[in-house]
Amino acid sequence: MSNLNILNSIRKKINLPQTKKNYFSLKEMKTIVSAIKPNANLSKASASNILPSFIDNWERQKTVGSHPSITNLYTIFNSLSNKQSTEWDLVYIIKNMPESVLKNAESISLKDKELVIKFLNH
């Protein structure tokens, strides 16, 4: 898989638009770290060190953190995969659900990886 494909797979996991950029913007890096470590204090991290400072198992590389090596891209991807909770999955599902379904839903839940939608008047 190419670096750009992995970058866009990571973007998709955190609900950011896919781009043709072969690096992460500051906003994207902060979103990645916040998804993996919600309590991380990003205020003191420099833009070039956000990912290396907060991603566990980050391997030293020749480029700045916004341009992760293939190894570090897989580390980010796997970290996001391991941190995804049921709530995160449900949020993603609801955000991508058609408005016609949402406006008639009384409740939406995810139980044992099964989506349950209870509709009004049913």
C-alpha atoms as a PDB file:
ATOM      1  CA  MET A   1       0.000   0.000   0.000  1.00  0.00           C
ATOM      2  CA  SER A   2       1.333   3.447  -0.867  1.00  0.00           C
ATOM      3  CA  ASN A   3       1.998   6.140   1.710  1.00  0.00           C
ATOM      4  CA  LEU A   4      -0.844   8.253   0.313  1.00  0.00           C
ATOM      5  CA  ASN A   5      -3.294   5.354   0.628  1.00  0.00           C
ATOM      6  CA  ILE A   6      -2.320   4.851   4.273  1.00  0.00           C
ATOM      7  CA  LEU A   7      -2.498   8.599   4.957  1.00  0.00           C
ATOM      8  CA  ASN A   8      -6.026   8.672   3.537  1.00  0.00           C
ATOM      9  CA  SER A   9      -7.015   5.515   5.434  1.00  0.00           C
ATOM     10  CA  ILE A  10      -5.936   7.273   8.620  1.00  0.00           C
ATOM     11  CA  ARG A  11      -7.873  10.396   7.612  1.00  0.00           C
ATOM     12  CA  LYS A  12     -10.961   8.277   6.980  1.00  0.00           C
ATOM     13  CA  LYS A  13     -10.688   6.618  10.420  1.00  0.00           C
ATOM     14  CA  ILE A  14     -10.865  10.027  12.109  1.00  0.00           C
ATOM     15  CA  ASN A  15     -13.508  11.518   9.812  1.00  0.00           C
ATOM     16  CA  LEU A  16     -11.220  13.921   7.970  1.00  0.00           C
ATOM     17  CA  PRO A  17     -11.485  14.482   4.214  1.00  0.00           C
ATOM     18  CA  GLN A  18      -9.125  12.544   2.006  1.00  0.00           C
ATOM     19  CA  THR A  19      -6.591  14.636   0.102  1.00  0.00           C
ATOM     20  CA  LYS A  20      -3.723  14.220  -2.326  1.00  0.00           C
ATOM     21  CA  LYS A  21      -1.284  15.588   0.267  1.00  0.00           C
ATOM     22  CA  ASN A  22       1.428  13.123   1.227  1.00  0.00           C
ATOM     23  CA  TYR A  23       1.733  14.601   4.724  1.00  0.00           C
ATOM     24  CA  PHE A  24      -0.464  15.628   7.650  1.00  0.00           C
ATOM     25  CA  SER A  25      -1.490  19.191   8.407  1.00  0.00           C
ATOM     26  CA  LEU A  26      -1.273  20.538  11.953  1.00  0.00           C
ATOM     27  CA  LYS A  27      -5.045  20.106  12.354  1.00  0.00           C
ATOM     28  CA  GLU A  28      -4.829  16.489  11.160  1.00  0.00           C
ATOM     29  CA  MET A  29      -1.966  15.693  13.543  1.00  0.00           C
ATOM     30  CA  LYS A  30      -3.863  17.165  16.497  1.00  0.00           C
ATOM     31  CA  THR A  31      -6.963  15.185  15.519  1.00  0.00           C
ATOM     32  CA  ILE A  32      -4.929  11.968  15.288  1.00  0.00           C
ATOM     33  CA  VAL A  33      -3.367  12.476  18.714  1.00  0.00           C
ATOM     34  CA  SER A  34      -6.715  13.438  20.259  1.00  0.00           C
ATOM     35  CA  ALA A  35      -8.303  10.277  18.841  1.00  0.00           C
ATOM     36  CA  ILE A  36      -5.544   8.083  20.286  1.00  0.00           C
ATOM     37  CA  LYS A  37      -4.911   9.983  23.526  1.00  0.00           C
ATOM     38  CA  PRO A  38      -7.952  12.133  24.335  1.00  0.00           C
ATOM     39  CA  ASN A  39      -6.295  13.693  27.404  1.00  0.00           C
ATOM     40  CA  ALA A  40      -3.055  14.683  25.659  1.00  0.00           C
ATOM     41  CA  ASN A  41      -1.943  18.256  26.285  1.00  0.00           C
ATOM     42  CA  LEU A  42      -1.038  19.492  22.815  1.00  0.00           C
ATOM     43  CA  SER A  43      -0.419  23.106  23.819  1.00  0.00           C
ATOM     44  CA  LYS A  44       3.313  22.637  24.456  1.00  0.00           C
ATOM     45  CA  ALA A  45       4.175  20.369  21.532  1.00  0.00           C
ATOM     46  CA  SER A  46       5.810  21.886  18.474  1.00  0.00           C
ATOM     47  CA  ALA A  47       4.147  21.218  15.126  1.00  0.00           C
ATOM     48  CA  SER A  48       7.035  19.045  13.946  1.00  0.00           C
ATOM     49  CA  ASN A  49       7.007  16.936  17.126  1.00  0.00           C
ATOM     50  CA  ILE A  50       3.307  16.351  17.800  1.00  0.00           C
ATOM     51  CA  LEU A  51       3.150  12.842  16.366  1.00  0.00           C
ATOM     52  CA  PRO A  52       6.574  11.665  17.593  1.00  0.00           C
ATOM     53  CA  SER A  53       5.796  13.023  21.071  1.00  0.00           C
ATOM     54  CA  PHE A  54       2.439  11.326  21.506  1.00  0.00           C
ATOM     55  CA  ILE A  55       2.396   8.181  19.339  1.00  0.00           C
ATOM     56  CA  ASP A  56       3.650   5.117  21.200  1.00  0.00           C
ATOM     57  CA  ASN A  57       6.291   3.059  19.378  1.00  0.00           C
ATOM     58  CA  TRP A  58       7.162   5.928  17.019  1.00  0.00           C
ATOM     59  CA  GLU A  59      10.413   5.116  15.216  1.00  0.00           C
ATOM     60  CA  ARG A  60      12.961   7.855  14.652  1.00  0.00           C
ATOM     61  CA  GLN A  61      12.959   9.068  11.086  1.00  0.00           C
ATOM     62  CA  LYS A  62      14.866  11.541   8.939  1.00  0.00           C
ATOM     63  CA  THR A  63      11.841  13.744   8.184  1.00  0.00           C
ATOM     64  CA  VAL A  64       9.616  15.808  10.482  1.00  0.00           C
ATOM     65  CA  GLY A  65       6.643  14.150  12.150  1.00  0.00           C
ATOM     66  CA  SER A  66       4.108  15.549   9.700  1.00  0.00           C
ATOM     67  CA  HIS A  67       5.693  13.346   6.991  1.00  0.00           C
ATOM     68  CA  PRO A  68       5.648   9.914   8.693  1.00  0.00           C
ATOM     69  CA  SER A  69       7.646   7.025   7.316  1.00  0.00           C
ATOM     70  CA  ILE A  70       5.708   3.963   6.167  1.00  0.00           C
ATOM     71  CA  THR A  71       6.498   2.249   9.479  1.00  0.00           C
ATOM     72  CA  ASN A  72       5.159   5.190  11.475  1.00  0.00           C
ATOM     73  CA  LEU A  73       2.059   5.407   9.269  1.00  0.00           C
ATOM     74  CA  TYR A  74       1.263   1.791  10.124  1.00  0.00           C
ATOM     75  CA  THR A  75       1.908   2.568  13.794  1.00  0.00           C
ATOM     76  CA  ILE A  76      -0.604   5.445  13.645  1.00  0.00           C
ATOM     77  CA  PHE A  77      -3.136   3.317  11.767  1.00  0.00           C
ATOM     78  CA  ASN A  78      -2.822   0.452  14.255  1.00  0.00           C
ATOM     79  CA  SER A  79      -3.027   2.843  17.215  1.00  0.00           C
ATOM     80  CA  LEU A  80      -6.266   4.271  15.852  1.00  0.00           C
ATOM     81  CA  SER A  81      -7.635   0.780  15.221  1.00  0.00           C
ATOM     82  CA  ASN A  82      -6.817  -0.306  18.763  1.00  0.00           C
ATOM     83  CA  LYS A  83      -8.384   2.795  20.319  1.00  0.00           C
ATOM     84  CA  GLN A  84     -11.672   2.725  18.458  1.00  0.00           C
ATOM     85  CA  SER A  85     -14.423   2.164  20.971  1.00  0.00           C
ATOM     86  CA  THR A  86     -18.052   1.286  20.495  1.00  0.00           C
ATOM     87  CA  GLU A  87     -18.959   4.950  20.979  1.00  0.00           C
ATOM     88  CA  TRP A  88     -16.541   6.016  18.229  1.00  0.00           C
ATOM     89  CA  ASP A  89     -17.977   3.442  15.831  1.00  0.00           C
ATOM     90  CA  LEU A  90     -21.528   4.553  16.615  1.00  0.00           C
ATOM     91  CA  VAL A  91     -20.636   8.212  16.090  1.00  0.00           C
ATOM     92  CA  TYR A  92     -19.126   7.354  12.709  1.00  0.00           C
ATOM     93  CA  ILE A  93     -22.221   5.363  11.695  1.00  0.00           C
ATOM     94  CA  ILE A  94     -24.641   8.107  12.742  1.00  0.00           C
ATOM     95  CA  LYS A  95     -22.628  10.822  10.990  1.00  0.00           C
ATOM     96  CA  ASN A  96     -22.844   8.845   7.768  1.00  0.00           C
ATOM     97  CA  MET A  97     -26.498   7.888   8.066  1.00  0.00           C
ATOM     98  CA  PRO A  98     -29.085   9.489   5.763  1.00  0.00           C
ATOM     99  CA  GLU A  99     -31.147  12.283   7.294  1.00  0.00           C
ATOM    100  CA  SER A 100     -34.328  10.409   6.323  1.00  0.00           C
ATOM    101  CA  VAL A 101     -33.380   7.607   8.736  1.00  0.00           C
ATOM    102  CA  LEU A 102     -32.234   9.923  11.522  1.00  0.00           C
ATOM    103  CA  LYS A 103     -35.369  12.084  11.563  1.00  0.00           C
ATOM    104  CA  ASN A 104     -37.568   9.020  12.193  1.00  0.00           C
ATOM    105  CA  ALA A 105     -35.291   7.353  14.750  1.00  0.00           C
ATOM    106  CA  GLU A 106     -36.270   7.333  18.401  1.00  0.00           C
ATOM    107  CA  SER A 107     -32.999   5.699  19.471  1.00  0.00           C
ATOM    108  CA  ILE A 108     -29.884   4.260  17.874  1.00  0.00           C
ATOM    109  CA  SER A 109     -27.500   1.900  19.641  1.00  0.00           C
ATOM    110  CA  LEU A 110     -24.738  -0.544  18.934  1.00  0.00           C
ATOM    111  CA  LYS A 111     -24.961  -3.800  20.896  1.00  0.00           C
ATOM    112  CA  ASP A 112     -22.488  -6.611  20.292  1.00  0.00           C
ATOM    113  CA  LYS A 113     -21.546  -5.023  16.942  1.00  0.00           C
ATOM    114  CA  GLU A 114     -25.188  -5.007  15.867  1.00  0.00           C
ATOM    115  CA  LEU A 115     -26.825  -1.703  14.976  1.00  0.00           C
ATOM    116  CA  VAL A 116     -30.247  -1.283  16.623  1.00  0.00           C
ATOM    117  CA  ILE A 117     -32.545   1.503  15.451  1.00  0.00           C
ATOM    118  CA  LYS A 118     -35.854   2.048  17.202  1.00  0.00           C
ATOM    119  CA  PHE A 119     -38.184   4.161  15.057  1.00  0.00           C
ATOM    120  CA  LEU A 120     -40.863   6.567  16.231  1.00  0.00           C
ATOM    121  CA  ASN A 121     -44.414   5.183  16.152  1.00  0.00           C
ATOM    122  CA  HIS A 122     -43.253   1.577  15.756  1.00  0.00           C
END
